[in-house]
Amino acid sequence: MLMQGFAGLMWLLSMALIIFSGFALFDAAVRREDAYRAADKKTKPFWLIVLAIAFVVNLLFPILSFLPIIGLIATIVYMVDVRPAIRALPGGGRSRRGSSSDGPYGPYNGGR
């Protein structure tokens, strides 16, 4: 019974790591490329590769090996160092897909 509880706890930890690294990967993917350079934090392809490897490692290996721990460290570095620096930039570093009539404060409605 104790081993079943431990296995359940390890499964929950594995799922939490997969969700955490997946969120970091998604967040890195939606940020603009120039935001990484403006924040002086490597490049977008670098972080996408590192976070994708961390995500795949978390999917394939059990929590007790050292590879998911390395992936967790990379994900934590992105979340506590890179993400806040990019979010502090004007616009939050997010890709904008607005219309051509959008101004700096939102859509231009023709003076209506």
PDB file of N, CA and C in Angstrom:
ATOM      1  N   MET A   1       0.820  -1.190   0.000  1.00  0.00           N
ATOM      2  CA  MET A   1       0.000   0.000   0.000  1.00  0.00           C
ATOM      3  C   MET A   1       0.866   1.258   0.000  1.00  0.00           C
ATOM      4  N   LEU A   2       1.960   1.221   0.719  1.00  0.00           N
ATOM      5  CA  LEU A   2       2.877   2.357   0.750  1.00  0.00           C
ATOM      6  C   LEU A   2       3.488   2.601  -0.625  1.00  0.00           C
ATOM      7  N   MET A   3       3.819   1.518  -1.338  1.00  0.00           N
ATOM      8  CA  MET A   3       4.407   1.655  -2.669  1.00  0.00           C
ATOM      9  C   MET A   3       3.402   2.231  -3.664  1.00  0.00           C
ATOM     10  N   GLN A   4       2.129   1.891  -3.513  1.00  0.00           N
ATOM     11  CA  GLN A   4       1.106   2.456  -4.389  1.00  0.00           C
ATOM     12  C   GLN A   4       0.978   3.960  -4.164  1.00  0.00           C
ATOM     13  N   GLY A   5       1.038   4.369  -2.930  1.00  0.00           N
ATOM     14  CA  GLY A   5       0.987   5.801  -2.624  1.00  0.00           C
ATOM     15  C   GLY A   5       2.178   6.544  -3.177  1.00  0.00           C
ATOM     16  N   PHE A   6       3.362   5.924  -3.064  1.00  0.00           N
ATOM     17  CA  PHE A   6       4.574   6.541  -3.601  1.00  0.00           C
ATOM     18  C   PHE A   6       4.505   6.630  -5.116  1.00  0.00           C
ATOM     19  N   ALA A   7       4.017   5.576  -5.770  1.00  0.00           N
ATOM     20  CA  ALA A   7       3.879   5.576  -7.227  1.00  0.00           C
ATOM     21  C   ALA A   7       2.874   6.645  -7.671  1.00  0.00           C
ATOM     22  N   GLY A   8       1.810   6.808  -6.911  1.00  0.00           N
ATOM     23  CA  GLY A   8       0.837   7.851  -7.226  1.00  0.00           C
ATOM     24  C   GLY A   8       1.415   9.243  -7.082  1.00  0.00           C
ATOM     25  N   LEU A   9       2.217   9.439  -6.049  1.00  0.00           N
ATOM     26  CA  LEU A   9       2.867  10.729  -5.849  1.00  0.00           C
ATOM     27  C   LEU A   9       3.851  11.027  -6.980  1.00  0.00           C
ATOM     28  N   MET A  10       4.612  10.016  -7.390  1.00  0.00           N
ATOM     29  CA  MET A  10       5.570  10.202  -8.489  1.00  0.00           C
ATOM     30  C   MET A  10       4.846  10.496  -9.801  1.00  0.00           C
ATOM     31  N   TRP A  11       3.688   9.855 -10.001  1.00  0.00           N
ATOM     32  CA  TRP A  11       2.904  10.132 -11.199  1.00  0.00           C
ATOM     33  C   TRP A  11       2.403  11.580 -11.195  1.00  0.00           C
ATOM     34  N   LEU A  12       1.927  12.054 -10.045  1.00  0.00           N
ATOM     35  CA  LEU A  12       1.472  13.440  -9.943  1.00  0.00           C
ATOM     36  C   LEU A  12       2.610  14.429 -10.185  1.00  0.00           C
ATOM     37  N   LEU A  13       3.781  14.124  -9.637  1.00  0.00           N
ATOM     38  CA  LEU A  13       4.946  14.987  -9.877  1.00  0.00           C
ATOM     39  C   LEU A  13       5.334  15.002 -11.350  1.00  0.00           C
ATOM     40  N   SER A  14       5.288  13.841 -11.986  1.00  0.00           N
ATOM     41  CA  SER A  14       5.606  13.770 -13.416  1.00  0.00           C
ATOM     42  C   SER A  14       4.614  14.596 -14.229  1.00  0.00           C
ATOM     43  N   MET A  15       3.336  14.486 -13.921  1.00  0.00           N
ATOM     44  CA  MET A  15       2.323  15.268 -14.642  1.00  0.00           C
ATOM     45  C   MET A  15       2.523  16.768 -14.417  1.00  0.00           C
ATOM     46  N   ALA A  16       2.862  17.148 -13.191  1.00  0.00           N
ATOM     47  CA  ALA A  16       3.112  18.563 -12.899  1.00  0.00           C
ATOM     48  C   ALA A  16       4.307  19.077 -13.696  1.00  0.00           C
ATOM     49  N   LEU A  17       5.367  18.276 -13.791  1.00  0.00           N
ATOM     50  CA  LEU A  17       6.541  18.680 -14.577  1.00  0.00           C
ATOM     51  C   LEU A  17       6.206  18.806 -16.057  1.00  0.00           C
ATOM     52  N   ILE A  18       5.417  17.879 -16.573  1.00  0.00           N
ATOM     53  CA  ILE A  18       5.036  17.932 -17.987  1.00  0.00           C
ATOM     54  C   ILE A  18       4.200  19.179 -18.262  1.00  0.00           C
ATOM     55  N   ILE A  19       3.257  19.475 -17.397  1.00  0.00           N
ATOM     56  CA  ILE A  19       2.414  20.664 -17.574  1.00  0.00           C
ATOM     57  C   ILE A  19       3.247  21.935 -17.451  1.00  0.00           C
ATOM     58  N   PHE A  20       4.138  21.982 -16.471  1.00  0.00           N
ATOM     59  CA  PHE A  20       4.988  23.156 -16.250  1.00  0.00           C
ATOM     60  C   PHE A  20       5.897  23.402 -17.453  1.00  0.00           C
ATOM     61  N   SER A  21       6.565  22.365 -17.939  1.00  0.00           N
ATOM     62  CA  SER A  21       7.461  22.541 -19.084  1.00  0.00           C
ATOM     63  C   SER A  21       6.666  22.819 -20.360  1.00  0.00           C
ATOM     64  N   GLY A  22       5.470  22.239 -20.486  1.00  0.00           N
ATOM     65  CA  GLY A  22       4.620  22.529 -21.644  1.00  0.00           C
ATOM     66  C   GLY A  22       4.167  23.972 -21.658  1.00  0.00           C
ATOM     67  N   PHE A  23       3.808  24.504 -20.490  1.00  0.00           N
ATOM     68  CA  PHE A  23       3.407  25.912 -20.405  1.00  0.00           C
ATOM     69  C   PHE A  23       4.569  26.824 -20.770  1.00  0.00           C
ATOM     70  N   ALA A  24       5.764  26.517 -20.269  1.00  0.00           N
ATOM     71  CA  ALA A  24       6.937  27.337 -20.580  1.00  0.00           C
ATOM     72  C   ALA A  24       7.238  27.298 -22.075  1.00  0.00           C
ATOM     73  N   LEU A  25       7.124  26.126 -22.686  1.00  0.00           N
ATOM     74  CA  LEU A  25       7.363  25.996 -24.123  1.00  0.00           C
ATOM     75  C   LEU A  25       6.335  26.807 -24.913  1.00  0.00           C
ATOM     76  N   PHE A  26       5.069  26.716 -24.543  1.00  0.00           N
ATOM     77  CA  PHE A  26       4.023  27.486 -25.217  1.00  0.00           C
ATOM     78  C   PHE A  26       4.269  28.985 -25.046  1.00  0.00           C
ATOM     79  N   ASP A  27       4.627  29.396 -23.836  1.00  0.00           N
ATOM     80  CA  ASP A  27       4.879  30.809 -23.570  1.00  0.00           C
ATOM     81  C   ASP A  27       6.054  31.323 -24.397  1.00  0.00           C
ATOM     82  N   ALA A  28       7.102  30.523 -24.503  1.00  0.00           N
ATOM     83  CA  ALA A  28       8.262  30.927 -25.301  1.00  0.00           C
ATOM     84  C   ALA A  28       7.904  31.015 -26.778  1.00  0.00           C
ATOM     85  N   ALA A  29       6.986  30.177 -27.228  1.00  0.00           N
ATOM     86  CA  ALA A  29       6.611  30.166 -28.640  1.00  0.00           C
ATOM     87  C   ALA A  29       5.782  31.383 -29.031  1.00  0.00           C
ATOM     88  N   VAL A  30       4.996  31.931 -28.113  1.00  0.00           N
ATOM     89  CA  VAL A  30       4.132  33.060 -28.475  1.00  0.00           C
ATOM     90  C   VAL A  30       4.815  34.413 -28.301  1.00  0.00           C
ATOM     91  N   ARG A  31       5.999  34.434 -27.739  1.00  0.00           N
ATOM     92  CA  ARG A  31       6.731  35.706 -27.595  1.00  0.00           C
ATOM     93  C   ARG A  31       7.418  36.062 -28.903  1.00  0.00           C
ATOM     94  N   ARG A  32       7.587  37.365 -29.141  1.00  0.00           N
ATOM     95  CA  ARG A  32       8.252  37.836 -30.363  1.00  0.00           C
ATOM     96  C   ARG A  32       9.744  37.566 -30.307  1.00  0.00           C
ATOM     97  N   GLU A  33      10.333  37.324 -31.463  1.00  0.00           N
ATOM     98  CA  GLU A  33      11.778  37.068 -31.565  1.00  0.00           C
ATOM     99  C   GLU A  33      12.580  38.281 -31.103  1.00  0.00           C
ATOM    100  N   ASP A  34      12.169  39.470 -31.494  1.00  0.00           N
ATOM    101  CA  ASP A  34      12.937  40.664 -31.131  1.00  0.00           C
ATOM    102  C   ASP A  34      12.851  40.972 -29.637  1.00  0.00           C
ATOM    103  N   ALA A  35      11.850  40.449 -28.953  1.00  0.00           N
ATOM    104  CA  ALA A  35      11.737  40.675 -27.507  1.00  0.00           C
ATOM    105  C   ALA A  35      12.878  39.986 -26.760  1.00  0.00           C
ATOM    106  N   TYR A  36      13.305  38.826 -27.240  1.00  0.00           N
ATOM    107  CA  TYR A  36      14.427  38.127 -26.601  1.00  0.00           C
ATOM    108  C   TYR A  36      15.703  38.937 -26.742  1.00  0.00           C
ATOM    109  N   ARG A  37      15.923  39.489 -27.937  1.00  0.00           N
ATOM    110  CA  ARG A  37      17.121  40.306 -28.144  1.00  0.00           C
ATOM    111  C   ARG A  37      17.051  41.603 -27.351  1.00  0.00           C
ATOM    112  N   ALA A  38      15.862  42.206 -27.283  1.00  0.00           N
ATOM    113  CA  ALA A  38      15.706  43.458 -26.540  1.00  0.00           C
ATOM    114  C   ALA A  38      15.938  43.239 -25.048  1.00  0.00           C
ATOM    115  N   ALA A  39      15.550  42.080 -24.536  1.00  0.00           N
ATOM    116  CA  ALA A  39      15.752  41.772 -23.115  1.00  0.00           C
ATOM    117  C   ALA A  39      17.146  41.211 -22.856  1.00  0.00           C
ATOM    118  N   ASP A  40      17.927  41.011 -23.917  1.00  0.00           N
ATOM    119  CA  ASP A  40      19.291  40.473 -23.828  1.00  0.00           C
ATOM    120  C   ASP A  40      19.290  39.079 -23.191  1.00  0.00           C
ATOM    121  N   LYS A  41      18.392  38.194 -23.687  1.00  0.00           N
ATOM    122  CA  LYS A  41      18.230  36.833 -23.162  1.00  0.00           C
ATOM    123  C   LYS A  41      18.335  35.817 -24.290  1.00  0.00           C
ATOM    124  N   LYS A  42      19.527  35.499 -24.742  1.00  0.00           N
ATOM    125  CA  LYS A  42      19.760  34.526 -25.826  1.00  0.00           C
ATOM    126  C   LYS A  42      18.824  34.815 -26.997  1.00  0.00           C
ATOM    127  N   THR A  43      18.351  33.782 -27.691  1.00  0.00           N
ATOM    128  CA  THR A  43      17.441  33.970 -28.820  1.00  0.00           C
ATOM    129  C   THR A  43      16.214  33.085 -28.630  1.00  0.00           C
ATOM    130  N   LYS A  44      15.185  33.391 -29.396  1.00  0.00           N
ATOM    131  CA  LYS A  44      13.961  32.597 -29.315  1.00  0.00           C
ATOM    132  C   LYS A  44      14.210  31.149 -29.730  1.00  0.00           C
ATOM    133  N   PRO A  45      14.917  30.877 -30.850  1.00  0.00           N
ATOM    134  CA  PRO A  45      15.161  29.465 -31.198  1.00  0.00           C
ATOM    135  C   PRO A  45      15.938  28.712 -30.114  1.00  0.00           C
ATOM    136  N   PHE A  46      16.876  29.362 -29.448  1.00  0.00           N
ATOM    137  CA  PHE A  46      17.624  28.719 -28.374  1.00  0.00           C
ATOM    138  C   PHE A  46      16.679  28.256 -27.271  1.00  0.00           C
ATOM    139  N   TRP A  47      15.796  29.155 -26.819  1.00  0.00           N
ATOM    140  CA  TRP A  47      14.883  28.799 -25.728  1.00  0.00           C
ATOM    141  C   TRP A  47      13.837  27.792 -26.170  1.00  0.00           C
ATOM    142  N   LEU A  48      13.405  27.868 -27.424  1.00  0.00           N
ATOM    143  CA  LEU A  48      12.452  26.873 -27.914  1.00  0.00           C
ATOM    144  C   LEU A  48      13.072  25.480 -27.933  1.00  0.00           C
ATOM    145  N   ILE A  49      14.318  25.377 -28.364  1.00  0.00           N
ATOM    146  CA  ILE A  49      15.003  24.084 -28.398  1.00  0.00           C
ATOM    147  C   ILE A  49      15.210  23.552 -26.985  1.00  0.00           C
ATOM    148  N   VAL A  50      15.702  24.394 -26.081  1.00  0.00           N
ATOM    149  CA  VAL A  50      15.955  23.959 -24.699  1.00  0.00           C
ATOM    150  C   VAL A  50      14.659  23.512 -24.029  1.00  0.00           C
ATOM    151  N   LEU A  51      13.600  24.287 -24.186  1.00  0.00           N
ATOM    152  CA  LEU A  51      12.338  23.947 -23.535  1.00  0.00           C
ATOM    153  C   LEU A  51      11.654  22.752 -24.199  1.00  0.00           C
ATOM    154  N   ALA A  52      11.821  22.585 -25.505  1.00  0.00           N
ATOM    155  CA  ALA A  52      11.265  21.408 -26.176  1.00  0.00           C
ATOM    156  C   ALA A  52      11.973  20.141 -25.710  1.00  0.00           C
ATOM    157  N   ILE A  53      13.290  20.208 -25.565  1.00  0.00           N
ATOM    158  CA  ILE A  53      14.036  19.059 -25.048  1.00  0.00           C
ATOM    159  C   ILE A  53      13.598  18.745 -23.624  1.00  0.00           C
ATOM    160  N   ALA A  54      13.425  19.768 -22.806  1.00  0.00           N
ATOM    161  CA  ALA A  54      12.971  19.557 -21.429  1.00  0.00           C
ATOM    162  C   ALA A  54      11.586  18.911 -21.420  1.00  0.00           C
ATOM    163  N   PHE A  55      10.700  19.341 -22.298  1.00  0.00           N
ATOM    164  CA  PHE A  55       9.351  18.778 -22.368  1.00  0.00           C
ATOM    165  C   PHE A  55       9.395  17.304 -22.774  1.00  0.00           C
ATOM    166  N   VAL A  56      10.188  16.986 -23.794  1.00  0.00           N
ATOM    167  CA  VAL A  56      10.283  15.599 -24.263  1.00  0.00           C
ATOM    168  C   VAL A  56      10.928  14.710 -23.201  1.00  0.00           C
ATOM    169  N   VAL A  57      11.956  15.222 -22.535  1.00  0.00           N
ATOM    170  CA  VAL A  57      12.604  14.448 -21.472  1.00  0.00           C
ATOM    171  C   VAL A  57      11.615  14.158 -20.348  1.00  0.00           C
ATOM    172  N   ASN A  58      10.797  15.142 -19.996  1.00  0.00           N
ATOM    173  CA  ASN A  58       9.792  14.926 -18.942  1.00  0.00           C
ATOM    174  C   ASN A  58       8.743  13.905 -19.365  1.00  0.00           C
ATOM    175  N   LEU A  59       8.469  13.820 -20.666  1.00  0.00           N
ATOM    176  CA  LEU A  59       7.512  12.828 -21.151  1.00  0.00           C
ATOM    177  C   LEU A  59       8.090  11.411 -21.125  1.00  0.00           C
ATOM    178  N   LEU A  60       9.384  11.284 -21.435  1.00  0.00           N
ATOM    179  CA  LEU A  60       9.969   9.965 -21.653  1.00  0.00           C
ATOM    180  C   LEU A  60      10.614   9.323 -20.431  1.00  0.00           C
ATOM    181  N   PHE A  61      11.151  10.127 -19.541  1.00  0.00           N
ATOM    182  CA  PHE A  61      11.933   9.573 -18.434  1.00  0.00           C
ATOM    183  C   PHE A  61      11.189   9.711 -17.112  1.00  0.00           C
ATOM    184  N   PRO A  62      11.399   8.763 -16.215  1.00  0.00           N
ATOM    185  CA  PRO A  62      10.765   8.872 -14.888  1.00  0.00           C
ATOM    186  C   PRO A  62      11.393  10.003 -14.082  1.00  0.00           C
ATOM    187  N   ILE A  63      10.650  10.467 -13.119  1.00  0.00           N
ATOM    188  CA  ILE A  63      11.052  11.611 -12.300  1.00  0.00           C
ATOM    189  C   ILE A  63      12.317  11.336 -11.496  1.00  0.00           C
ATOM    190  N   LEU A  64      12.600  10.085 -11.207  1.00  0.00           N
ATOM    191  CA  LEU A  64      13.736   9.765 -10.344  1.00  0.00           C
ATOM    192  C   LEU A  64      15.078   9.797 -11.059  1.00  0.00           C
ATOM    193  N   SER A  65      15.109   9.921 -12.387  1.00  0.00           N
ATOM    194  CA  SER A  65      16.394  10.025 -13.080  1.00  0.00           C
ATOM    195  C   SER A  65      16.846  11.488 -13.088  1.00  0.00           C
ATOM    196  N   PHE A  66      18.080  11.717 -13.494  1.00  0.00           N
ATOM    197  CA  PHE A  66      18.616  13.078 -13.423  1.00  0.00           C
ATOM    198  C   PHE A  66      18.214  13.936 -14.618  1.00  0.00           C
ATOM    199  N   LEU A  67      17.811  13.369 -15.742  1.00  0.00           N
ATOM    200  CA  LEU A  67      17.466  14.172 -16.917  1.00  0.00           C
ATOM    201  C   LEU A  67      16.236  15.061 -16.697  1.00  0.00           C
ATOM    202  N   PRO A  68      15.157  14.577 -16.095  1.00  0.00           N
ATOM    203  CA  PRO A  68      14.043  15.493 -15.823  1.00  0.00           C
ATOM    204  C   PRO A  68      14.415  16.619 -14.864  1.00  0.00           C
ATOM    205  N   ILE A  69      15.347  16.363 -13.983  1.00  0.00           N
ATOM    206  CA  ILE A  69      15.783  17.420 -13.062  1.00  0.00           C
ATOM    207  C   ILE A  69      16.508  18.516 -13.829  1.00  0.00           C
ATOM    208  N   ILE A  70      17.337  18.132 -14.813  1.00  0.00           N
ATOM    209  CA  ILE A  70      18.017  19.121 -15.658  1.00  0.00           C
ATOM    210  C   ILE A  70      16.983  19.912 -16.460  1.00  0.00           C
ATOM    211  N   GLY A  71      15.975  19.209 -16.993  1.00  0.00           N
ATOM    212  CA  GLY A  71      14.901  19.893 -17.717  1.00  0.00           C
ATOM    213  C   GLY A  71      14.123  20.839 -16.823  1.00  0.00           C
ATOM    214  N   LEU A  72      13.895  20.429 -15.577  1.00  0.00           N
ATOM    215  CA  LEU A  72      13.200  21.286 -14.624  1.00  0.00           C
ATOM    216  C   LEU A  72      14.013  22.546 -14.349  1.00  0.00           C
ATOM    217  N   ILE A  73      15.320  22.405 -14.215  1.00  0.00           N
ATOM    218  CA  ILE A  73      16.178  23.567 -13.974  1.00  0.00           C
ATOM    219  C   ILE A  73      16.111  24.537 -15.154  1.00  0.00           C
ATOM    220  N   ALA A  74      16.159  24.018 -16.381  1.00  0.00           N
ATOM    221  CA  ALA A  74      16.064  24.877 -17.568  1.00  0.00           C
ATOM    222  C   ALA A  74      14.715  25.586 -17.614  1.00  0.00           C
ATOM    223  N   THR A  75      13.649  24.879 -17.272  1.00  0.00           N
ATOM    224  CA  THR A  75      12.318  25.480 -17.275  1.00  0.00           C
ATOM    225  C   THR A  75      12.199  26.561 -16.199  1.00  0.00           C
ATOM    226  N   ILE A  76      12.753  26.300 -15.043  1.00  0.00           N
ATOM    227  CA  ILE A  76      12.725  27.294 -13.967  1.00  0.00           C
ATOM    228  C   ILE A  76      13.512  28.538 -14.361  1.00  0.00           C
ATOM    229  N   VAL A  77      14.668  28.362 -15.002  1.00  0.00           N
ATOM    230  CA  VAL A  77      15.458  29.518 -15.450  1.00  0.00           C
ATOM    231  C   VAL A  77      14.645  30.360 -16.418  1.00  0.00           C
ATOM    232  N   TYR A  78      13.960  29.715 -17.353  1.00  0.00           N
ATOM    233  CA  TYR A  78      13.132  30.475 -18.285  1.00  0.00           C
ATOM    234  C   TYR A  78      12.025  31.226 -17.536  1.00  0.00           C
ATOM    235  N   MET A  79      11.348  30.534 -16.620  1.00  0.00           N
ATOM    236  CA  MET A  79      10.188  31.132 -15.959  1.00  0.00           C
ATOM    237  C   MET A  79      10.552  32.261 -14.994  1.00  0.00           C
ATOM    238  N   VAL A  80      11.704  32.186 -14.321  1.00  0.00           N
ATOM    239  CA  VAL A  80      12.025  33.214 -13.322  1.00  0.00           C
ATOM    240  C   VAL A  80      12.992  34.280 -13.838  1.00  0.00           C
ATOM    241  N   ASP A  81      13.645  34.039 -14.978  1.00  0.00           N
ATOM    242  CA  ASP A  81      14.601  35.016 -15.475  1.00  0.00           C
ATOM    243  C   ASP A  81      14.183  35.581 -16.831  1.00  0.00           C
ATOM    244  N   VAL A  82      13.964  34.730 -17.796  1.00  0.00           N
ATOM    245  CA  VAL A  82      13.704  35.181 -19.164  1.00  0.00           C
ATOM    246  C   VAL A  82      12.293  35.733 -19.309  1.00  0.00           C
ATOM    247  N   ARG A  83      11.297  35.001 -18.856  1.00  0.00           N
ATOM    248  CA  ARG A  83       9.898  35.418 -19.018  1.00  0.00           C
ATOM    249  C   ARG A  83       9.613  36.773 -18.375  1.00  0.00           C
ATOM    250  N   PRO A  84      10.034  37.022 -17.127  1.00  0.00           N
ATOM    251  CA  PRO A  84       9.763  38.352 -16.553  1.00  0.00           C
ATOM    252  C   PRO A  84      10.466  39.484 -17.310  1.00  0.00           C
ATOM    253  N   ALA A  85      11.679  39.215 -17.822  1.00  0.00           N
ATOM    254  CA  ALA A  85      12.398  40.251 -18.573  1.00  0.00           C
ATOM    255  C   ALA A  85      11.675  40.576 -19.875  1.00  0.00           C
ATOM    256  N   ILE A  86      11.134  39.568 -20.519  1.00  0.00           N
ATOM    257  CA  ILE A  86      10.413  39.801 -21.774  1.00  0.00           C
ATOM    258  C   ILE A  86       9.068  40.460 -21.505  1.00  0.00           C
ATOM    259  N   ARG A  87       8.394  40.042 -20.453  1.00  0.00           N
ATOM    260  CA  ARG A  87       7.086  40.633 -20.123  1.00  0.00           C
ATOM    261  C   ARG A  87       7.208  42.089 -19.697  1.00  0.00           C
ATOM    262  N   ALA A  88       8.375  42.492 -19.205  1.00  0.00           N
ATOM    263  CA  ALA A  88       8.572  43.876 -18.775  1.00  0.00           C
ATOM    264  C   ALA A  88       8.701  44.827 -19.959  1.00  0.00           C
ATOM    265  N   LEU A  89       8.939  44.295 -21.133  1.00  0.00           N
ATOM    266  CA  LEU A  89       9.049  45.131 -22.328  1.00  0.00           C
ATOM    267  C   LEU A  89       7.680  45.683 -22.704  1.00  0.00           C
ATOM    268  N   PRO A  90       7.643  46.823 -23.406  1.00  0.00           N
ATOM    269  CA  PRO A  90       6.352  47.343 -23.867  1.00  0.00           C
ATOM    270  C   PRO A  90       5.648  46.310 -24.754  1.00  0.00           C
ATOM    271  N   GLY A  91       4.404  46.069 -24.507  1.00  0.00           N
ATOM    272  CA  GLY A  91       3.643  45.078 -25.256  1.00  0.00           C
ATOM    273  C   GLY A  91       3.781  43.679 -24.694  1.00  0.00           C
ATOM    274  N   GLY A  92       4.619  43.473 -23.701  1.00  0.00           N
ATOM    275  CA  GLY A  92       4.775  42.174 -23.075  1.00  0.00           C
ATOM    276  C   GLY A  92       5.475  41.145 -23.924  1.00  0.00           C
ATOM    277  N   GLY A  93       6.036  41.549 -25.062  1.00  0.00           N
ATOM    278  CA  GLY A  93       6.749  40.616 -25.908  1.00  0.00           C
ATOM    279  C   GLY A  93       5.849  39.669 -26.673  1.00  0.00           C
ATOM    280  N   ARG A  94       4.540  39.883 -26.618  1.00  0.00           N
ATOM    281  CA  ARG A  94       3.604  38.993 -27.322  1.00  0.00           C
ATOM    282  C   ARG A  94       3.516  39.389 -28.788  1.00  0.00           C
ATOM    283  N   SER A  95       3.302  38.400 -29.627  1.00  0.00           N
ATOM    284  CA  SER A  95       3.092  38.668 -31.046  1.00  0.00           C
ATOM    285  C   SER A  95       1.745  39.352 -31.210  1.00  0.00           C
ATOM    286  N   ARG A  96       1.746  40.404 -31.987  1.00  0.00           N
ATOM    287  CA  ARG A  96       0.486  41.102 -32.250  1.00  0.00           C
ATOM    288  C   ARG A  96       0.016  40.760 -33.643  1.00  0.00           C
ATOM    289  N   ARG A  97      -1.220  40.428 -33.751  1.00  0.00           N
ATOM    290  CA  ARG A  97      -1.797  40.160 -35.053  1.00  0.00           C
ATOM    291  C   ARG A  97      -3.010  41.081 -35.222  1.00  0.00           C
ATOM    292  N   GLY A  98      -2.757  42.374 -35.132  1.00  0.00           N
ATOM    293  CA  GLY A  98      -3.857  43.327 -35.234  1.00  0.00           C
ATOM    294  C   GLY A  98      -4.075  43.753 -36.673  1.00  0.00           C
ATOM    295  N   SER A  99      -5.040  44.593 -36.861  1.00  0.00           N
ATOM    296  CA  SER A  99      -5.343  45.093 -38.192  1.00  0.00           C
ATOM    297  C   SER A  99      -4.388  46.227 -38.533  1.00  0.00           C
ATOM    298  N   SER A 100      -4.347  46.585 -39.818  1.00  0.00           N
ATOM    299  CA  SER A 100      -3.447  47.647 -40.245  1.00  0.00           C
ATOM    300  C   SER A 100      -3.908  49.006 -39.751  1.00  0.00           C
ATOM    301  N   SER A 101      -5.149  49.110 -39.283  1.00  0.00           N
ATOM    302  CA  SER A 101      -5.648  50.385 -38.787  1.00  0.00           C
ATOM    303  C   SER A 101      -5.461  50.533 -37.274  1.00  0.00           C
ATOM    304  N   ASP A 102      -4.810  49.578 -36.654  1.00  0.00           N
ATOM    305  CA  ASP A 102      -4.573  49.677 -35.219  1.00  0.00           C
ATOM    306  C   ASP A 102      -3.535  50.752 -34.929  1.00  0.00           C
ATOM    307  N   GLY A 103      -3.841  51.577 -33.955  1.00  0.00           N
ATOM    308  CA  GLY A 103      -2.898  52.585 -33.518  1.00  0.00           C
ATOM    309  C   GLY A 103      -2.180  52.107 -32.270  1.00  0.00           C
ATOM    310  N   PRO A 104      -1.379  52.971 -31.649  1.00  0.00           N
ATOM    311  CA  PRO A 104      -0.636  52.545 -30.465  1.00  0.00           C
ATOM    312  C   PRO A 104      -1.533  52.286 -29.250  1.00  0.00           C
ATOM    313  N   TYR A 105      -2.778  52.803 -29.279  1.00  0.00           N
ATOM    314  CA  TYR A 105      -3.673  52.642 -28.146  1.00  0.00           C
ATOM    315  C   TYR A 105      -4.877  51.779 -28.470  1.00  0.00           C
ATOM    316  N   GLY A 106      -4.844  51.091 -29.589  1.00  0.00           N
ATOM    317  CA  GLY A 106      -5.945  50.219 -29.971  1.00  0.00           C
ATOM    318  C   GLY A 106      -6.410  50.520 -31.373  1.00  0.00           C
ATOM    319  N   PRO A 107      -7.527  49.927 -31.767  1.00  0.00           N
ATOM    320  CA  PRO A 107      -8.010  50.120 -33.136  1.00  0.00           C
ATOM    321  C   PRO A 107      -8.494  51.544 -33.377  1.00  0.00           C
ATOM    322  N   TYR A 108      -8.215  52.035 -34.566  1.00  0.00           N
ATOM    323  CA  TYR A 108      -8.684  53.358 -34.973  1.00  0.00           C
ATOM    324  C   TYR A 108     -10.074  53.191 -35.542  1.00  0.00           C
ATOM    325  N   ASN A 109     -11.026  53.919 -35.002  1.00  0.00           N
ATOM    326  CA  ASN A 109     -12.412  53.746 -35.437  1.00  0.00           C
ATOM    327  C   ASN A 109     -12.913  54.896 -36.299  1.00  0.00           C
ATOM    328  N   GLY A 110     -12.030  55.695 -36.846  1.00  0.00           N
ATOM    329  CA  GLY A 110     -12.448  56.761 -37.766  1.00  0.00           C
ATOM    330  C   GLY A 110     -13.066  57.961 -37.071  1.00  0.00           C
ATOM    331  N   GLY A 111     -12.770  58.209 -35.809  1.00  0.00           N
ATOM    332  CA  GLY A 111     -13.293  59.352 -35.094  1.00  0.00           C
ATOM    333  C   GLY A 111     -14.728  59.181 -34.621  1.00  0.00           C
ATOM    334  N   ARG A 112     -15.223  57.981 -34.628  1.00  0.00           N
ATOM    335  CA  ARG A 112     -16.598  57.740 -34.172  1.00  0.00           C
ATOM    336  C   ARG A 112     -16.662  57.524 -32.721  1.00  0.00           C
TER     337      ARG A 112
END
